[in-house]
Amino acid sequence: MSRFCSNLFLPSAVQKAATHIAKKAMDLDLVAGRSPISVAAAAIYMASQCSMDKKSQKDIGEIAGVADVTIRQSYRLMYPKAADLFPADFKFHSPITSLPQL
């Protein structure tokens, strides 16, 4: 996760949020059967979309080595529970309600 976020020039707050989102999504069994890398990429996408440093699925996919359709599939599984996945101390630049529905 840190390597992907670093290569995307994302701040540590987004990396921390993405790590929390991915772990929580796995703990809640939202992404059963998905690869850890696709879950990480979807979590980075979700966290970045609520931050000032928005990254596209394409950009994240190129860094993580997964197709943007793979990111979308994991993201769609996580999206309905997005409000439960973010860490309590995350500073939203864009509200959860503005997350892309894909």
Protein backbone atom coordinates (compact mmCIF):
# COMPACT_ATOMS: atom_id res chain seq x y z
CA MET A 1 0.00 0.00 0.00
CA SER A 2 2.73 2.48 0.94
CA ARG A 3 4.62 1.85 -2.31
CA PHE A 4 1.50 2.39 -4.42
CA CYS A 5 0.55 5.58 -2.56
CA SER A 6 4.11 6.86 -2.70
CA ASN A 7 4.32 6.25 -6.46
CA LEU A 8 0.99 8.09 -6.85
CA PHE A 9 2.35 11.01 -4.74
CA LEU A 10 -0.50 10.67 -2.27
CA PRO A 11 -0.14 12.16 1.22
CA SER A 12 0.22 9.92 4.26
CA ALA A 13 -3.35 10.72 5.40
CA VAL A 14 -4.73 9.16 2.19
CA GLN A 15 -2.41 6.17 2.57
CA LYS A 16 -3.53 5.68 6.17
CA ALA A 17 -7.19 5.92 5.14
CA ALA A 18 -6.71 3.50 2.23
CA THR A 19 -5.01 0.98 4.53
CA HIS A 20 -7.86 1.29 7.03
CA ILE A 21 -10.50 0.98 4.27
CA ALA A 22 -8.89 -2.15 2.81
CA LYS A 23 -8.50 -3.83 6.21
CA LYS A 24 -12.06 -2.99 7.27
CA ALA A 25 -13.48 -4.20 3.92
CA MET A 26 -11.70 -7.54 4.44
CA ASP A 27 -12.78 -7.73 8.10
CA LEU A 28 -16.42 -7.14 7.08
CA ASP A 29 -16.04 -9.77 4.33
CA LEU A 30 -17.14 -7.30 1.64
CA VAL A 31 -14.46 -8.37 -0.82
CA ALA A 32 -14.39 -12.15 -0.41
CA GLY A 33 -12.50 -13.79 -3.26
CA ARG A 34 -10.89 -10.55 -4.46
CA SER A 35 -7.10 -10.33 -4.60
CA PRO A 36 -5.41 -8.21 -1.93
CA ILE A 37 -3.91 -5.97 -4.63
CA SER A 38 -7.32 -5.26 -6.20
CA VAL A 39 -8.74 -4.48 -2.74
CA ALA A 40 -5.80 -2.17 -2.02
CA ALA A 41 -6.23 -0.41 -5.37
CA ALA A 42 -9.98 0.06 -4.78
CA ALA A 43 -9.29 1.38 -1.28
CA ILE A 44 -6.75 3.88 -2.66
CA TYR A 45 -9.31 4.98 -5.24
CA MET A 46 -12.01 5.42 -2.59
CA ALA A 47 -9.73 7.34 -0.20
CA SER A 48 -8.33 9.56 -2.94
CA GLN A 49 -11.81 10.45 -4.22
CA CYS A 50 -12.67 11.93 -0.80
CA SER A 51 -9.37 13.82 -0.56
CA MET A 52 -7.87 16.80 -2.36
CA ASP A 53 -5.59 14.40 -4.27
CA LYS A 54 -8.05 12.55 -6.50
CA LYS A 55 -6.54 9.78 -8.64
CA SER A 56 -8.19 7.95 -11.52
CA GLN A 57 -8.70 4.20 -11.66
CA LYS A 58 -6.39 4.17 -14.67
CA ASP A 59 -3.55 5.90 -12.77
CA ILE A 60 -3.95 3.60 -9.76
CA GLY A 61 -4.19 0.53 -11.99
CA GLU A 62 -0.96 1.39 -13.79
CA ILE A 63 0.92 1.73 -10.49
CA ALA A 64 -0.69 -1.31 -8.83
CA GLY A 65 -0.51 -3.49 -11.92
CA VAL A 66 -4.24 -4.23 -12.12
CA ALA A 67 -6.83 -3.38 -14.76
CA ASP A 68 -9.19 -0.51 -14.01
CA VAL A 69 -12.13 -2.92 -14.45
CA THR A 70 -10.64 -4.99 -11.59
CA ILE A 71 -10.51 -1.88 -9.40
CA ARG A 72 -14.13 -1.14 -10.31
CA GLN A 73 -15.27 -4.65 -9.33
CA SER A 74 -13.73 -4.41 -5.84
CA TYR A 75 -14.85 -0.80 -5.44
CA ARG A 76 -18.47 -1.74 -6.26
CA LEU A 77 -18.40 -4.34 -3.47
CA MET A 78 -17.06 -1.76 -1.00
CA TYR A 79 -19.13 1.26 -2.07
CA PRO A 80 -22.40 0.41 -0.25
CA LYS A 81 -20.53 0.37 3.10
CA ALA A 82 -18.21 3.31 2.33
CA ALA A 83 -19.34 5.29 5.38
CA ASP A 84 -18.31 2.39 7.65
CA LEU A 85 -14.90 1.91 6.02
CA PHE A 86 -13.23 5.29 6.56
CA PRO A 87 -11.22 5.92 9.74
CA ALA A 88 -12.98 8.20 12.23
CA ASP A 89 -10.23 10.84 12.01
CA PHE A 90 -10.19 11.15 8.20
CA LYS A 91 -10.48 14.76 7.02
CA PHE A 92 -12.88 14.72 4.08
CA HIS A 93 -12.29 17.22 1.28
CA SER A 94 -15.26 15.77 -0.62
CA PRO A 95 -18.11 14.09 1.31
CA ILE A 96 -18.74 10.34 1.05
CA THR A 97 -21.98 11.16 -0.77
CA SER A 98 -19.89 12.53 -3.66
CA LEU A 99 -18.07 9.21 -4.23
CA PRO A 100 -18.54 7.93 -7.79
CA GLN A 101 -21.20 5.19 -7.94
CA LEU A 102 -19.65 3.38 -10.92
